[in-house]
Amino acid sequence: MEMLEPRAHPPSSPSAPSWLGAKEAVPAKTEAKSKALKAKKAVLKGVHSHKKKKIRTSPTFRRPKTLRLRRQPKYPRKSAPRRNKLDHYAIIKFPLTTESAMKKIEDNNTLVFIVDVKANKHQIKQAVKKLYDIDVAKVNTLIRPDGEKKAYVRLAPDYDALDVANKIGII
């Protein structure tokens, strides 16, 4: 039986080369001390940088604009959103059934309504669309001498104002 020779440099020995995986022989304490001394030297030396002074171009002093943060409320100031007072039923009060309104229905394919004074043309158009399921071409409005708002609602060509008036119950 043959005897094997022991290795010349086992990896755990202090004299093993670094490529075998052995750590450097410098202990951590001396390394930390040298680091601290370096820091001390730097602090003692100080920073001697020359700061350039900003050139003032105006004799008036303006306060610098500071950071203004958004409000971060702890609780909402309103517990519930406001109810919309101008819903579709409040916008259109009633249809007009006067002689001139009937003439508009027959000749101009136009329905005439009394509407809320605060309602605008877009709101009137949407309300008529929702309540009567008809397409509106355009809306003309005027405020009558008694303070009410009158709306002339011109229907789209594919709708007949006479049929719609019958369905609503004007005629």
Protein backbone atom coordinates (compact mmCIF):
# COMPACT_ATOMS: atom_id res chain seq x y z
CA MET A 1 0.00 0.00 0.00
CA GLU A 2 1.31 3.38 -1.01
CA MET A 3 1.54 6.34 1.42
CA LEU A 4 0.26 9.73 0.24
CA GLU A 5 2.33 12.75 0.98
CA PRO A 6 0.67 15.57 2.92
CA ARG A 7 -0.05 18.79 1.04
CA ALA A 8 2.50 21.53 1.13
CA HIS A 9 0.00 24.35 1.79
CA PRO A 10 -3.38 23.42 3.22
CA PRO A 11 -6.01 26.13 2.55
CA SER A 12 -6.54 26.91 6.24
CA SER A 13 -2.91 27.62 7.04
CA PRO A 14 -1.91 31.30 7.49
CA SER A 15 0.92 31.04 4.97
CA ALA A 16 -1.36 29.78 2.18
CA PRO A 17 -1.50 31.90 -0.98
CA SER A 18 -4.50 34.23 -1.41
CA TRP A 19 -5.73 32.46 -4.52
CA LEU A 20 -6.39 29.34 -2.44
CA GLY A 21 -9.08 31.20 -0.48
CA ALA A 22 -7.16 32.32 2.59
CA LYS A 23 -8.01 35.74 4.10
CA GLU A 24 -5.56 38.59 4.40
CA ALA A 25 -3.54 38.68 7.57
CA VAL A 26 -4.60 42.29 8.53
CA PRO A 27 -6.93 42.16 11.55
CA ALA A 28 -10.15 44.18 11.54
CA LYS A 29 -9.13 46.30 14.56
CA THR A 30 -6.10 47.88 12.89
CA GLU A 31 -8.11 48.49 9.73
CA ALA A 32 -10.80 50.35 11.70
CA LYS A 33 -8.13 52.36 13.53
CA SER A 34 -6.48 53.46 10.30
CA LYS A 35 -9.89 54.48 8.92
CA ALA A 36 -10.62 56.55 12.03
CA LEU A 37 -7.22 58.24 11.84
CA LYS A 38 -7.84 59.12 8.19
CA ALA A 39 -11.20 60.65 9.13
CA LYS A 40 -9.59 62.62 11.99
CA LYS A 41 -6.95 63.99 9.64
CA ALA A 42 -9.62 65.05 7.13
CA VAL A 43 -11.65 66.82 9.84
CA LEU A 44 -8.61 68.65 11.19
CA LYS A 45 -7.61 69.75 7.71
CA GLY A 46 -11.11 71.13 7.04
CA VAL A 47 -12.74 72.01 3.78
CA HIS A 48 -11.18 75.03 2.14
CA SER A 49 -13.39 75.48 -0.90
CA HIS A 50 -14.03 78.95 -2.27
CA LYS A 51 -17.77 79.61 -2.73
CA LYS A 52 -18.62 82.06 -5.46
CA LYS A 53 -21.04 84.80 -4.37
CA LYS A 54 -24.26 85.13 -6.40
CA ILE A 55 -24.41 88.34 -8.39
CA ARG A 56 -27.39 90.53 -7.53
CA THR A 57 -28.94 92.05 -10.61
CA SER A 58 -31.72 94.03 -8.93
CA PRO A 59 -31.72 96.42 -5.97
CA THR A 60 -35.10 95.14 -4.72
CA PHE A 61 -35.16 92.12 -2.43
CA ARG A 62 -37.67 89.47 -3.37
CA ARG A 63 -38.59 86.84 -0.81
CA PRO A 64 -37.76 83.39 -2.19
CA LYS A 65 -40.63 81.17 -3.22
CA THR A 66 -40.96 78.48 -0.55
CA LEU A 67 -42.55 75.05 -0.72
CA ARG A 68 -46.30 75.27 -0.26
CA LEU A 69 -47.86 71.91 0.57
CA ARG A 70 -51.39 70.87 -0.33
CA ARG A 71 -53.91 70.67 2.49
CA GLN A 72 -54.19 67.28 4.15
CA PRO A 73 -57.57 67.43 5.91
CA LYS A 74 -58.19 65.03 8.78
CA TYR A 75 -61.89 64.75 7.87
CA PRO A 76 -64.10 65.95 4.98
CA ARG A 77 -65.77 69.31 5.58
CA LYS A 78 -68.98 68.12 3.89
CA SER A 79 -70.42 64.81 5.06
CA ALA A 80 -72.31 64.15 1.82
CA PRO A 81 -72.21 65.74 -1.64
CA ARG A 82 -74.91 68.27 -2.41
CA ARG A 83 -78.08 67.04 -4.11
CA ASN A 84 -78.44 68.27 -7.69
CA LYS A 85 -81.50 70.50 -7.53
CA LEU A 86 -81.74 70.80 -11.33
CA ASP A 87 -82.58 67.23 -12.31
CA HIS A 88 -84.40 66.37 -15.56
CA TYR A 89 -87.82 66.65 -13.92
CA ALA A 90 -87.04 70.07 -12.41
CA ILE A 91 -85.66 71.46 -15.68
CA ILE A 92 -88.81 70.88 -17.77
CA LYS A 93 -91.87 72.26 -15.99
CA PHE A 94 -94.62 71.73 -18.59
CA PRO A 95 -95.29 71.91 -22.34
CA LEU A 96 -97.09 74.94 -23.76
CA THR A 97 -100.41 74.32 -25.51
CA THR A 98 -101.15 77.78 -26.92
CA GLU A 99 -102.25 78.40 -30.52
CA SER A 100 -98.80 79.64 -31.52
CA ALA A 101 -97.19 76.58 -29.88
CA MET A 102 -99.52 74.28 -31.86
CA LYS A 103 -98.57 76.12 -35.06
CA LYS A 104 -94.88 75.51 -34.22
CA ILE A 105 -95.58 71.78 -33.73
CA GLU A 106 -97.33 71.50 -37.12
CA ASP A 107 -95.15 73.77 -39.25
CA ASN A 108 -91.66 73.76 -37.73
CA ASN A 109 -91.39 70.30 -36.08
CA THR A 110 -90.83 72.14 -32.78
CA LEU A 111 -92.13 71.51 -29.27
CA VAL A 112 -92.51 74.42 -26.83
CA PHE A 113 -91.81 73.97 -23.11
CA ILE A 114 -91.72 76.19 -20.04
CA VAL A 115 -88.43 75.38 -18.30
CA ASP A 116 -86.50 76.40 -15.19
CA VAL A 117 -84.90 79.84 -15.49
CA LYS A 118 -81.50 78.49 -14.38
CA ALA A 119 -81.43 75.72 -17.02
CA ASN A 120 -79.22 76.22 -20.08
CA LYS A 121 -79.73 74.88 -23.60
CA HIS A 122 -77.53 71.80 -23.10
CA GLN A 123 -79.43 70.82 -19.95
CA ILE A 124 -82.80 71.32 -21.68
CA LYS A 125 -81.66 69.16 -24.61
CA GLN A 126 -80.50 66.35 -22.28
CA ALA A 127 -83.73 66.52 -20.25
CA VAL A 128 -85.97 66.27 -23.33
CA LYS A 129 -83.83 63.39 -24.64
CA LYS A 130 -84.15 61.47 -21.36
CA LEU A 131 -87.81 62.16 -20.56
CA TYR A 132 -89.32 61.68 -24.03
CA ASP A 133 -86.73 59.44 -25.80
CA ILE A 134 -86.36 61.76 -28.79
CA ASP A 135 -83.42 63.34 -30.59
CA VAL A 136 -83.19 67.13 -30.46
CA ALA A 137 -81.77 69.17 -33.34
CA LYS A 138 -81.50 72.46 -31.45
CA VAL A 139 -82.94 74.52 -28.62
CA ASN A 140 -83.89 78.21 -28.68
CA THR A 141 -84.74 79.96 -25.44
CA LEU A 142 -86.22 83.23 -24.29
CA ILE A 143 -87.32 84.67 -20.98
CA ARG A 144 -90.95 85.78 -20.98
CA PRO A 145 -92.08 89.07 -19.43
CA ASP A 146 -93.56 87.14 -16.47
CA GLY A 147 -90.06 85.78 -15.65
CA GLU A 148 -90.49 82.21 -16.93
CA LYS A 149 -88.12 80.70 -19.49
CA LYS A 150 -89.61 79.35 -22.70
CA ALA A 151 -87.73 76.76 -24.76
CA TYR A 152 -88.37 76.01 -28.43
CA VAL A 153 -87.12 72.45 -28.91
CA ARG A 154 -86.58 71.64 -32.59
CA LEU A 155 -86.71 67.88 -33.15
CA ALA A 156 -84.43 65.87 -35.42
CA PRO A 157 -85.82 65.32 -38.96
CA ASP A 158 -86.50 61.60 -38.31
CA TYR A 159 -88.98 62.48 -35.50
CA ASP A 160 -92.40 64.03 -36.06
CA ALA A 161 -93.37 66.66 -33.50
CA LEU A 162 -97.09 65.88 -33.99
CA ASP A 163 -96.59 62.21 -33.02
CA VAL A 164 -94.42 63.13 -30.03
CA ALA A 165 -97.01 65.73 -28.91
CA ASN A 166 -99.73 63.05 -29.10
CA LYS A 167 -97.58 60.65 -27.08
CA ILE A 168 -96.88 63.30 -24.42
CA GLY A 169 -100.55 64.31 -24.31
CA ILE A 170 -100.33 67.91 -25.47
CA ILE A 171 -102.89 67.43 -28.25
